[in-house]
Amino acid sequence: MASFKQAASLYERILRVKDKAWVPCVLVGNKCDLEHDREVDTEEGNMLAQKWNVPYVETSAKTRHNVDQTFSECVRVVRKNFALESANSAKKPIKKKKGLCTIL
């Protein structure tokens, strides 16, 4: 449970440092093979991921369950964010600064 709370704290700090309302990430729960030792329910992970608007994946390093899928999900999130930022920057008009020289 401590790492779950640390993840929330870390995400909030990232938002503050980046000065953004959202940053691309994937919330990952590990050791899903140890069901009897579970401290965070799948529902709790899903709820936090929905709050952050990010994917949630449960993995097991021991059995390699969802390990490759997690990396694929990371790539998808980063690509989606890059496409969104590119589209947003294309919509913004470029402001010319007055009084500056352009050297070609």
PDB file of N, CA and C in Angstrom:
ATOM      1  N   MET A   1       0.815  -1.191   0.000  1.00  0.00           N
ATOM      2  CA  MET A   1       0.000   0.000   0.000  1.00  0.00           C
ATOM      3  C   MET A   1       0.860   1.257   0.000  1.00  0.00           C
ATOM      4  N   ALA A   2       2.041   1.159   0.586  1.00  0.00           N
ATOM      5  CA  ALA A   2       2.928   2.329   0.641  1.00  0.00           C
ATOM      6  C   ALA A   2       3.341   2.772  -0.749  1.00  0.00           C
ATOM      7  N   SER A   3       3.682   1.834  -1.629  1.00  0.00           N
ATOM      8  CA  SER A   3       4.104   2.217  -2.978  1.00  0.00           C
ATOM      9  C   SER A   3       2.935   2.781  -3.780  1.00  0.00           C
ATOM     10  N   PHE A   4       1.724   2.320  -3.490  1.00  0.00           N
ATOM     11  CA  PHE A   4       0.530   2.853  -4.150  1.00  0.00           C
ATOM     12  C   PHE A   4       0.352   4.325  -3.785  1.00  0.00           C
ATOM     13  N   LYS A   5       0.516   4.641  -2.516  1.00  0.00           N
ATOM     14  CA  LYS A   5       0.410   6.033  -2.065  1.00  0.00           C
ATOM     15  C   LYS A   5       1.559   6.869  -2.618  1.00  0.00           C
ATOM     16  N   GLN A   6       2.751   6.280  -2.700  1.00  0.00           N
ATOM     17  CA  GLN A   6       3.898   7.001  -3.262  1.00  0.00           C
ATOM     18  C   GLN A   6       3.683   7.303  -4.736  1.00  0.00           C
ATOM     19  N   ALA A   7       3.025   6.393  -5.452  1.00  0.00           N
ATOM     20  CA  ALA A   7       2.748   6.618  -6.879  1.00  0.00           C
ATOM     21  C   ALA A   7       1.852   7.839  -7.049  1.00  0.00           C
ATOM     22  N   ALA A   8       0.838   7.944  -6.196  1.00  0.00           N
ATOM     23  CA  ALA A   8      -0.059   9.100  -6.268  1.00  0.00           C
ATOM     24  C   ALA A   8       0.691  10.389  -5.964  1.00  0.00           C
ATOM     25  N   SER A   9       1.531  10.356  -4.957  1.00  0.00           N
ATOM     26  CA  SER A   9       2.325  11.533  -4.600  1.00  0.00           C
ATOM     27  C   SER A   9       3.286  11.906  -5.722  1.00  0.00           C
ATOM     28  N   LEU A  10       3.932  10.917  -6.302  1.00  0.00           N
ATOM     29  CA  LEU A  10       4.873  11.150  -7.396  1.00  0.00           C
ATOM     30  C   LEU A  10       4.174  11.760  -8.608  1.00  0.00           C
ATOM     31  N   TYR A  11       3.013  11.218  -8.945  1.00  0.00           N
ATOM     32  CA  TYR A  11       2.272  11.745 -10.096  1.00  0.00           C
ATOM     33  C   TYR A  11       1.891  13.208  -9.873  1.00  0.00           C
ATOM     34  N   GLU A  12       1.444  13.534  -8.677  1.00  0.00           N
ATOM     35  CA  GLU A  12       1.082  14.919  -8.371  1.00  0.00           C
ATOM     36  C   GLU A  12       2.294  15.848  -8.483  1.00  0.00           C
ATOM     37  N   ARG A  13       3.446  15.387  -8.019  1.00  0.00           N
ATOM     38  CA  ARG A  13       4.669  16.200  -8.139  1.00  0.00           C
ATOM     39  C   ARG A  13       5.054  16.396  -9.595  1.00  0.00           C
ATOM     40  N   ILE A  14       4.919  15.359 -10.401  1.00  0.00           N
ATOM     41  CA  ILE A  14       5.229  15.475 -11.832  1.00  0.00           C
ATOM     42  C   ILE A  14       4.328  16.520 -12.476  1.00  0.00           C
ATOM     43  N   LEU A  15       3.042  16.486 -12.144  1.00  0.00           N
ATOM     44  CA  LEU A  15       2.108  17.480 -12.691  1.00  0.00           C
ATOM     45  C   LEU A  15       2.530  18.896 -12.318  1.00  0.00           C
ATOM     46  N   ARG A  16       2.949  19.078 -11.064  1.00  0.00           N
ATOM     47  CA  ARG A  16       3.378  20.416 -10.626  1.00  0.00           C
ATOM     48  C   ARG A  16       4.635  20.866 -11.354  1.00  0.00           C
ATOM     49  N   VAL A  17       5.612  19.976 -11.467  1.00  0.00           N
ATOM     50  CA  VAL A  17       6.877  20.334 -12.108  1.00  0.00           C
ATOM     51  C   VAL A  17       6.665  20.639 -13.589  1.00  0.00           C
ATOM     52  N   LYS A  18       5.851  19.819 -14.244  1.00  0.00           N
ATOM     53  CA  LYS A  18       5.592  20.016 -15.674  1.00  0.00           C
ATOM     54  C   LYS A  18       4.585  21.133 -15.922  1.00  0.00           C
ATOM     55  N   ASP A  19       3.899  21.571 -14.849  1.00  0.00           N
ATOM     56  CA  ASP A  19       2.854  22.589 -14.947  1.00  0.00           C
ATOM     57  C   ASP A  19       1.797  22.190 -15.971  1.00  0.00           C
ATOM     58  N   LYS A  20       1.322  20.955 -15.803  1.00  0.00           N
ATOM     59  CA  LYS A  20       0.315  20.406 -16.717  1.00  0.00           C
ATOM     60  C   LYS A  20      -0.805  19.790 -15.907  1.00  0.00           C
ATOM     61  N   ALA A  21      -1.953  19.619 -16.559  1.00  0.00           N
ATOM     62  CA  ALA A  21      -3.090  18.958 -15.918  1.00  0.00           C
ATOM     63  C   ALA A  21      -3.018  17.446 -16.115  1.00  0.00           C
ATOM     64  N   TRP A  22      -2.227  17.004 -17.105  1.00  0.00           N
ATOM     65  CA  TRP A  22      -2.109  15.579 -17.411  1.00  0.00           C
ATOM     66  C   TRP A  22      -0.739  15.309 -18.015  1.00  0.00           C
ATOM     67  N   VAL A  23      -0.159  14.189 -17.669  1.00  0.00           N
ATOM     68  CA  VAL A  23       1.088  13.744 -18.297  1.00  0.00           C
ATOM     69  C   VAL A  23       0.907  12.287 -18.711  1.00  0.00           C
ATOM     70  N   PRO A  24       1.539  11.897 -19.819  1.00  0.00           N
ATOM     71  CA  PRO A  24       1.385  10.518 -20.272  1.00  0.00           C
ATOM     72  C   PRO A  24       2.106   9.548 -19.336  1.00  0.00           C
ATOM     73  N   CYS A  25       1.403   8.532 -18.906  1.00  0.00           N
ATOM     74  CA  CYS A  25       2.013   7.496 -18.074  1.00  0.00           C
ATOM     75  C   CYS A  25       1.112   6.265 -18.074  1.00  0.00           C
ATOM     76  N   VAL A  26       1.616   5.199 -17.508  1.00  0.00           N
ATOM     77  CA  VAL A  26       0.853   3.970 -17.330  1.00  0.00           C
ATOM     78  C   VAL A  26       1.005   3.578 -15.871  1.00  0.00           C
ATOM     79  N   LEU A  27      -0.101   3.339 -15.196  1.00  0.00           N
ATOM     80  CA  LEU A  27      -0.079   2.883 -13.809  1.00  0.00           C
ATOM     81  C   LEU A  27       0.037   1.360 -13.828  1.00  0.00           C
ATOM     82  N   VAL A  28       1.071   0.843 -13.157  1.00  0.00           N
ATOM     83  CA  VAL A  28       1.346  -0.593 -13.192  1.00  0.00           C
ATOM     84  C   VAL A  28       1.341  -1.165 -11.788  1.00  0.00           C
ATOM     85  N   GLY A  29       0.534  -2.202 -11.606  1.00  0.00           N
ATOM     86  CA  GLY A  29       0.538  -2.957 -10.363  1.00  0.00           C
ATOM     87  C   GLY A  29       1.374  -4.205 -10.576  1.00  0.00           C
ATOM     88  N   ASN A  30       2.273  -4.502  -9.657  1.00  0.00           N
ATOM     89  CA  ASN A  30       3.180  -5.644  -9.812  1.00  0.00           C
ATOM     90  C   ASN A  30       2.789  -6.757  -8.841  1.00  0.00           C
ATOM     91  N   LYS A  31       3.334  -7.916  -9.092  1.00  0.00           N
ATOM     92  CA  LYS A  31       3.132  -9.112  -8.257  1.00  0.00           C
ATOM     93  C   LYS A  31       1.685  -9.577  -8.252  1.00  0.00           C
ATOM     94  N   CYS A  32       1.031  -9.530  -9.411  1.00  0.00           N
ATOM     95  CA  CYS A  32      -0.361  -9.972  -9.474  1.00  0.00           C
ATOM     96  C   CYS A  32      -0.478 -11.487  -9.269  1.00  0.00           C
ATOM     97  N   ASP A  33       0.652 -12.207  -9.316  1.00  0.00           N
ATOM     98  CA  ASP A  33       0.636 -13.644  -9.068  1.00  0.00           C
ATOM     99  C   ASP A  33       0.488 -13.966  -7.585  1.00  0.00           C
ATOM    100  N   LEU A  34       0.675 -12.982  -6.714  1.00  0.00           N
ATOM    101  CA  LEU A  34       0.566 -13.187  -5.263  1.00  0.00           C
ATOM    102  C   LEU A  34      -0.785 -12.666  -4.775  1.00  0.00           C
ATOM    103  N   GLU A  35      -1.846 -13.256  -5.273  1.00  0.00           N
ATOM    104  CA  GLU A  35      -3.206 -12.800  -4.980  1.00  0.00           C
ATOM    105  C   GLU A  35      -3.502 -12.770  -3.478  1.00  0.00           C
ATOM    106  N   HIS A  36      -3.020 -13.734  -2.741  1.00  0.00           N
ATOM    107  CA  HIS A  36      -3.302 -13.811  -1.306  1.00  0.00           C
ATOM    108  C   HIS A  36      -2.561 -12.731  -0.497  1.00  0.00           C
ATOM    109  N   ASP A  37      -1.506 -12.150  -1.052  1.00  0.00           N
ATOM    110  CA  ASP A  37      -0.752 -11.093  -0.366  1.00  0.00           C
ATOM    111  C   ASP A  37      -1.109  -9.695  -0.858  1.00  0.00           C
ATOM    112  N   ARG A  38      -2.136  -9.606  -1.656  1.00  0.00           N
ATOM    113  CA  ARG A  38      -2.514  -8.345  -2.293  1.00  0.00           C
ATOM    114  C   ARG A  38      -2.858  -7.281  -1.251  1.00  0.00           C
ATOM    115  N   GLU A  39      -2.295  -6.088  -1.427  1.00  0.00           N
ATOM    116  CA  GLU A  39      -2.595  -4.961  -0.555  1.00  0.00           C
ATOM    117  C   GLU A  39      -3.472  -3.925  -1.253  1.00  0.00           C
ATOM    118  N   VAL A  40      -3.421  -3.909  -2.590  1.00  0.00           N
ATOM    119  CA  VAL A  40      -4.212  -2.967  -3.373  1.00  0.00           C
ATOM    120  C   VAL A  40      -5.106  -3.767  -4.306  1.00  0.00           C
ATOM    121  N   ASP A  41      -6.399  -3.548  -4.219  1.00  0.00           N
ATOM    122  CA  ASP A  41      -7.345  -4.251  -5.085  1.00  0.00           C
ATOM    123  C   ASP A  41      -7.225  -3.739  -6.519  1.00  0.00           C
ATOM    124  N   THR A  42      -7.579  -4.607  -7.447  1.00  0.00           N
ATOM    125  CA  THR A  42      -7.607  -4.214  -8.860  1.00  0.00           C
ATOM    126  C   THR A  42      -8.517  -3.008  -9.040  1.00  0.00           C
ATOM    127  N   GLU A  43      -9.626  -3.001  -8.318  1.00  0.00           N
ATOM    128  CA  GLU A  43     -10.577  -1.894  -8.415  1.00  0.00           C
ATOM    129  C   GLU A  43      -9.937  -0.564  -7.994  1.00  0.00           C
ATOM    130  N   GLU A  44      -9.118  -0.590  -6.941  1.00  0.00           N
ATOM    131  CA  GLU A  44      -8.431   0.629  -6.494  1.00  0.00           C
ATOM    132  C   GLU A  44      -7.473   1.134  -7.572  1.00  0.00           C
ATOM    133  N   GLY A  45      -6.737   0.214  -8.185  1.00  0.00           N
ATOM    134  CA  GLY A  45      -5.826   0.595  -9.255  1.00  0.00           C
ATOM    135  C   GLY A  45      -6.565   1.184 -10.435  1.00  0.00           C
ATOM    136  N   ASN A  46      -7.661   0.537 -10.814  1.00  0.00           N
ATOM    137  CA  ASN A  46      -8.474   1.042 -11.924  1.00  0.00           C
ATOM    138  C   ASN A  46      -9.055   2.414 -11.625  1.00  0.00           C
ATOM    139  N   MET A  47      -9.500   2.610 -10.393  1.00  0.00           N
ATOM    140  CA  MET A  47     -10.074   3.906 -10.022  1.00  0.00           C
ATOM    141  C   MET A  47      -9.033   5.019 -10.101  1.00  0.00           C
ATOM    142  N   LEU A  48      -7.826   4.755  -9.608  1.00  0.00           N
ATOM    143  CA  LEU A  48      -6.773   5.764  -9.671  1.00  0.00           C
ATOM    144  C   LEU A  48      -6.386   6.048 -11.121  1.00  0.00           C
ATOM    145  N   ALA A  49      -6.290   5.002 -11.918  1.00  0.00           N
ATOM    146  CA  ALA A  49      -5.949   5.183 -13.334  1.00  0.00           C
ATOM    147  C   ALA A  49      -7.032   5.990 -14.057  1.00  0.00           C
ATOM    148  N   GLN A  50      -8.286   5.746 -13.731  1.00  0.00           N
ATOM    149  CA  GLN A  50      -9.374   6.524 -14.340  1.00  0.00           C
ATOM    150  C   GLN A  50      -9.298   7.983 -13.907  1.00  0.00           C
ATOM    151  N   LYS A  51      -8.968   8.194 -12.647  1.00  0.00           N
ATOM    152  CA  LYS A  51      -8.822   9.572 -12.142  1.00  0.00           C
ATOM    153  C   LYS A  51      -7.731  10.302 -12.915  1.00  0.00           C
ATOM    154  N   TRP A  52      -6.636   9.609 -13.186  1.00  0.00           N
ATOM    155  CA  TRP A  52      -5.521  10.213 -13.920  1.00  0.00           C
ATOM    156  C   TRP A  52      -5.724  10.165 -15.440  1.00  0.00           C
ATOM    157  N   ASN A  53      -6.724   9.417 -15.891  1.00  0.00           N
ATOM    158  CA  ASN A  53      -6.977   9.211 -17.326  1.00  0.00           C
ATOM    159  C   ASN A  53      -5.788   8.525 -18.011  1.00  0.00           C
ATOM    160  N   VAL A  54      -5.325   7.449 -17.373  1.00  0.00           N
ATOM    161  CA  VAL A  54      -4.211   6.663 -17.899  1.00  0.00           C
ATOM    162  C   VAL A  54      -4.578   5.183 -17.841  1.00  0.00           C
ATOM    163  N   PRO A  55      -3.891   4.342 -18.612  1.00  0.00           N
ATOM    164  CA  PRO A  55      -4.146   2.900 -18.540  1.00  0.00           C
ATOM    165  C   PRO A  55      -3.629   2.296 -17.233  1.00  0.00           C
ATOM    166  N   TYR A  56      -4.253   1.204 -16.816  1.00  0.00           N
ATOM    167  CA  TYR A  56      -3.805   0.448 -15.640  1.00  0.00           C
ATOM    168  C   TYR A  56      -3.542  -0.988 -16.069  1.00  0.00           C
ATOM    169  N   VAL A  57      -2.386  -1.506 -15.694  1.00  0.00           N
ATOM    170  CA  VAL A  57      -2.003  -2.880 -16.037  1.00  0.00           C
ATOM    171  C   VAL A  57      -1.467  -3.550 -14.782  1.00  0.00           C
ATOM    172  N   GLU A  58      -1.863  -4.795 -14.565  1.00  0.00           N
ATOM    173  CA  GLU A  58      -1.297  -5.582 -13.474  1.00  0.00           C
ATOM    174  C   GLU A  58      -0.336  -6.597 -14.075  1.00  0.00           C
ATOM    175  N   THR A  59       0.838  -6.697 -13.475  1.00  0.00           N
ATOM    176  CA  THR A  59       1.887  -7.559 -14.016  1.00  0.00           C
ATOM    177  C   THR A  59       2.443  -8.501 -12.961  1.00  0.00           C
ATOM    178  N   SER A  60       3.209  -9.454 -13.458  1.00  0.00           N
ATOM    179  CA  SER A  60       3.993 -10.327 -12.587  1.00  0.00           C
ATOM    180  C   SER A  60       5.358 -10.501 -13.247  1.00  0.00           C
ATOM    181  N   ALA A  61       6.380 -10.034 -12.587  1.00  0.00           N
ATOM    182  CA  ALA A  61       7.734 -10.211 -13.119  1.00  0.00           C
ATOM    183  C   ALA A  61       8.125 -11.688 -13.070  1.00  0.00           C
ATOM    184  N   LYS A  62       7.621 -12.386 -12.075  1.00  0.00           N
ATOM    185  CA  LYS A  62       7.958 -13.806 -11.900  1.00  0.00           C
ATOM    186  C   LYS A  62       7.415 -14.655 -13.055  1.00  0.00           C
ATOM    187  N   THR A  63       6.151 -14.441 -13.424  1.00  0.00           N
ATOM    188  CA  THR A  63       5.526 -15.231 -14.492  1.00  0.00           C
ATOM    189  C   THR A  63       5.533 -14.504 -15.837  1.00  0.00           C
ATOM    190  N   ARG A  64       6.012 -13.263 -15.859  1.00  0.00           N
ATOM    191  CA  ARG A  64       6.037 -12.393 -17.037  1.00  0.00           C
ATOM    192  C   ARG A  64       4.636 -12.057 -17.554  1.00  0.00           C
ATOM    193  N   HIS A  65       3.637 -12.193 -16.694  1.00  0.00           N
ATOM    194  CA  HIS A  65       2.266 -11.865 -17.065  1.00  0.00           C
ATOM    195  C   HIS A  65       2.149 -10.365 -17.332  1.00  0.00           C
ATOM    196  N   ASN A  66       1.722 -10.000 -18.522  1.00  0.00           N
ATOM    197  CA  ASN A  66       1.495  -8.612 -18.948  1.00  0.00           C
ATOM    198  C   ASN A  66       2.742  -7.734 -18.998  1.00  0.00           C
ATOM    199  N   VAL A  67       3.929  -8.316 -18.930  1.00  0.00           N
ATOM    200  CA  VAL A  67       5.147  -7.501 -18.978  1.00  0.00           C
ATOM    201  C   VAL A  67       5.310  -6.868 -20.358  1.00  0.00           C
ATOM    202  N   ASP A  68       5.237  -7.663 -21.405  1.00  0.00           N
ATOM    203  CA  ASP A  68       5.376  -7.121 -22.757  1.00  0.00           C
ATOM    204  C   ASP A  68       4.234  -6.161 -23.089  1.00  0.00           C
ATOM    205  N   GLN A  69       3.031  -6.493 -22.642  1.00  0.00           N
ATOM    206  CA  GLN A  69       1.887  -5.623 -22.893  1.00  0.00           C
ATOM    207  C   GLN A  69       2.055  -4.263 -22.219  1.00  0.00           C
ATOM    208  N   THR A  70       2.703  -4.260 -21.064  1.00  0.00           N
ATOM    209  CA  THR A  70       2.927  -2.995 -20.359  1.00  0.00           C
ATOM    210  C   THR A  70       3.844  -2.077 -21.162  1.00  0.00           C
ATOM    211  N   PHE A  71       4.910  -2.634 -21.707  1.00  0.00           N
ATOM    212  CA  PHE A  71       5.807  -1.821 -22.531  1.00  0.00           C
ATOM    213  C   PHE A  71       5.097  -1.334 -23.789  1.00  0.00           C
ATOM    214  N   SER A  72       4.288  -2.188 -24.377  1.00  0.00           N
ATOM    215  CA  SER A  72       3.514  -1.776 -25.555  1.00  0.00           C
ATOM    216  C   SER A  72       2.552  -0.648 -25.203  1.00  0.00           C
ATOM    217  N   GLU A  73       1.931  -0.751 -24.049  1.00  0.00           N
ATOM    218  CA  GLU A  73       1.003   0.292 -23.602  1.00  0.00           C
ATOM    219  C   GLU A  73       1.734   1.613 -23.387  1.00  0.00           C
ATOM    220  N   CYS A  74       2.933   1.551 -22.836  1.00  0.00           N
ATOM    221  CA  CYS A  74       3.745   2.765 -22.659  1.00  0.00           C
ATOM    222  C   CYS A  74       4.014   3.439 -23.999  1.00  0.00           C
ATOM    223  N   VAL A  75       4.375   2.653 -24.986  1.00  0.00           N
ATOM    224  CA  VAL A  75       4.645   3.194 -26.321  1.00  0.00           C
ATOM    225  C   VAL A  75       3.384   3.826 -26.899  1.00  0.00           C
ATOM    226  N   ARG A  76       2.239   3.150 -26.740  1.00  0.00           N
ATOM    227  CA  ARG A  76       0.971   3.698 -27.250  1.00  0.00           C
ATOM    228  C   ARG A  76       0.647   5.040 -26.600  1.00  0.00           C
ATOM    229  N   VAL A  77       0.838   5.135 -25.289  1.00  0.00           N
ATOM    230  CA  VAL A  77       0.519   6.367 -24.569  1.00  0.00           C
ATOM    231  C   VAL A  77       1.432   7.502 -25.030  1.00  0.00           C
ATOM    232  N   VAL A  78       2.706   7.222 -25.168  1.00  0.00           N
ATOM    233  CA  VAL A  78       3.655   8.251 -25.605  1.00  0.00           C
ATOM    234  C   VAL A  78       3.342   8.691 -27.035  1.00  0.00           C
ATOM    235  N   ARG A  79       3.067   7.743 -27.922  1.00  0.00           N
ATOM    236  CA  ARG A  79       2.734   8.098 -29.314  1.00  0.00           C
ATOM    237  C   ARG A  79       1.454   8.923 -29.386  1.00  0.00           C
ATOM    238  N   LYS A  80       0.447   8.530 -28.603  1.00  0.00           N
ATOM    239  CA  LYS A  80      -0.815   9.269 -28.590  1.00  0.00           C
ATOM    240  C   LYS A  80      -0.584  10.695 -28.102  1.00  0.00           C
ATOM    241  N   ASN A  81       0.211  10.843 -27.045  1.00  0.00           N
ATOM    242  CA  ASN A  81       0.511  12.174 -26.519  1.00  0.00           C
ATOM    243  C   ASN A  81       1.277  13.002 -27.542  1.00  0.00           C
ATOM    244  N   PHE A  82       2.231  12.384 -28.219  1.00  0.00           N
ATOM    245  CA  PHE A  82       3.002  13.102 -29.236  1.00  0.00           C
ATOM    246  C   PHE A  82       2.090  13.584 -30.360  1.00  0.00           C
ATOM    247  N   ALA A  83       1.160  12.730 -30.784  1.00  0.00           N
ATOM    248  CA  ALA A  83       0.224  13.108 -31.848  1.00  0.00           C
ATOM    249  C   ALA A  83      -0.678  14.259 -31.395  1.00  0.00           C
ATOM    250  N   LEU A  84      -1.148  14.202 -30.156  1.00  0.00           N
ATOM    251  CA  LEU A  84      -1.991  15.273 -29.629  1.00  0.00           C
ATOM    252  C   LEU A  84      -1.234  16.588 -29.546  1.00  0.00           C
ATOM    253  N   GLU A  85      -0.004  16.532 -29.054  1.00  0.00           N
ATOM    254  CA  GLU A  85       0.794  17.760 -28.949  1.00  0.00           C
ATOM    255  C   GLU A  85       1.118  18.326 -30.322  1.00  0.00           C
ATOM    256  N   SER A  86       1.391  17.454 -31.286  1.00  0.00           N
ATOM    257  CA  SER A  86       1.682  17.910 -32.645  1.00  0.00           C
ATOM    258  C   SER A  86       0.459  18.574 -33.257  1.00  0.00           C
ATOM    259  N   ALA A  87      -0.714  17.980 -33.047  1.00  0.00           N
ATOM    260  CA  ALA A  87      -1.951  18.548 -33.583  1.00  0.00           C
ATOM    261  C   ALA A  87      -2.257  19.884 -32.929  1.00  0.00           C
ATOM    262  N   ASN A  88      -2.047  19.972 -31.623  1.00  0.00           N
ATOM    263  CA  ASN A  88      -2.307  21.230 -30.916  1.00  0.00           C
ATOM    264  C   ASN A  88      -1.346  22.326 -31.339  1.00  0.00           C
ATOM    265  N   SER A  89      -0.086  21.990 -31.544  1.00  0.00           N
ATOM    266  CA  SER A  89       0.883  23.012 -31.943  1.00  0.00           C
ATOM    267  C   SER A  89       0.639  23.462 -33.379  1.00  0.00           C
ATOM    268  N   ALA A  90       0.083  22.594 -34.219  1.00  0.00           N
ATOM    269  CA  ALA A  90      -0.218  22.973 -35.595  1.00  0.00           C
ATOM    270  C   ALA A  90      -1.386  23.954 -35.643  1.00  0.00           C
ATOM    271  N   LYS A  91      -2.287  23.878 -34.659  1.00  0.00           N
ATOM    272  CA  LYS A  91      -3.452  24.760 -34.626  1.00  0.00           C
ATOM    273  C   LYS A  91      -3.107  26.148 -34.117  1.00  0.00           C
ATOM    274  N   LYS A  92      -2.062  26.268 -33.334  1.00  0.00           N
ATOM    275  CA  LYS A  92      -1.705  27.561 -32.750  1.00  0.00           C
ATOM    276  C   LYS A  92      -0.983  28.416 -33.792  1.00  0.00           C
ATOM    277  N   PRO A  93      -1.400  29.660 -33.938  1.00  0.00           N
ATOM    278  CA  PRO A  93      -0.698  30.529 -34.873  1.00  0.00           C
ATOM    279  C   PRO A  93       0.692  30.874 -34.340  1.00  0.00           C
ATOM    280  N   ILE A  94       1.622  30.960 -35.239  1.00  0.00           N
ATOM    281  CA  ILE A  94       2.988  31.310 -34.863  1.00  0.00           C
ATOM    282  C   ILE A  94       3.062  32.822 -34.728  1.00  0.00           C
ATOM    283  N   LYS A  95       3.468  33.265 -33.562  1.00  0.00           N
ATOM    284  CA  LYS A  95       3.584  34.704 -33.313  1.00  0.00           C
ATOM    285  C   LYS A  95       4.971  35.163 -33.707  1.00  0.00           C
ATOM    286  N   LYS A  96       4.996  36.190 -34.528  1.00  0.00           N
ATOM    287  CA  LYS A  96       6.280  36.756 -34.910  1.00  0.00           C
ATOM    288  C   LYS A  96       6.679  37.794 -33.875  1.00  0.00           C
ATOM    289  N   LYS A  97       7.923  37.722 -33.479  1.00  0.00           N
ATOM    290  CA  LYS A  97       8.425  38.700 -32.521  1.00  0.00           C
ATOM    291  C   LYS A  97       8.895  39.919 -33.288  1.00  0.00           C
ATOM    292  N   LYS A  98       8.462  41.065 -32.843  1.00  0.00           N
ATOM    293  CA  LYS A  98       8.797  42.316 -33.519  1.00  0.00           C
ATOM    294  C   LYS A  98      10.143  42.809 -33.051  1.00  0.00           C
ATOM    295  N   GLY A  99      10.884  43.410 -33.969  1.00  0.00           N
ATOM    296  CA  GLY A  99      12.136  44.037 -33.614  1.00  0.00           C
ATOM    297  C   GLY A  99      13.341  43.111 -33.592  1.00  0.00           C
ATOM    298  N   LEU A 100      13.141  41.855 -33.983  1.00  0.00           N
ATOM    299  CA  LEU A 100      14.259  40.925 -34.018  1.00  0.00           C
ATOM    300  C   LEU A 100      14.661  40.628 -35.455  1.00  0.00           C
ATOM    301  N   CYS A 101      15.918  40.428 -35.670  1.00  0.00           N
ATOM    302  CA  CYS A 101      16.422  40.103 -36.991  1.00  0.00           C
ATOM    303  C   CYS A 101      16.350  38.604 -37.228  1.00  0.00           C
ATOM    304  N   THR A 102      16.145  38.235 -38.464  1.00  0.00           N
ATOM    305  CA  THR A 102      16.198  36.840 -38.845  1.00  0.00           C
ATOM    306  C   THR A 102      17.411  36.648 -39.719  1.00  0.00           C
ATOM    307  N   ILE A 103      18.294  35.760 -39.345  1.00  0.00           N
ATOM    308  CA  ILE A 103      19.497  35.501 -40.118  1.00  0.00           C
ATOM    309  C   ILE A 103      19.301  34.179 -40.837  1.00  0.00           C
ATOM    310  N   LEU A 104      19.458  34.202 -42.132  1.00  0.00           N
ATOM    311  CA  LEU A 104      19.274  32.977 -42.920  1.00  0.00           C
ATOM    312  C   LEU A 104      20.588  32.419 -43.338  1.00  0.00           C
TER     313      LEU A 104
END
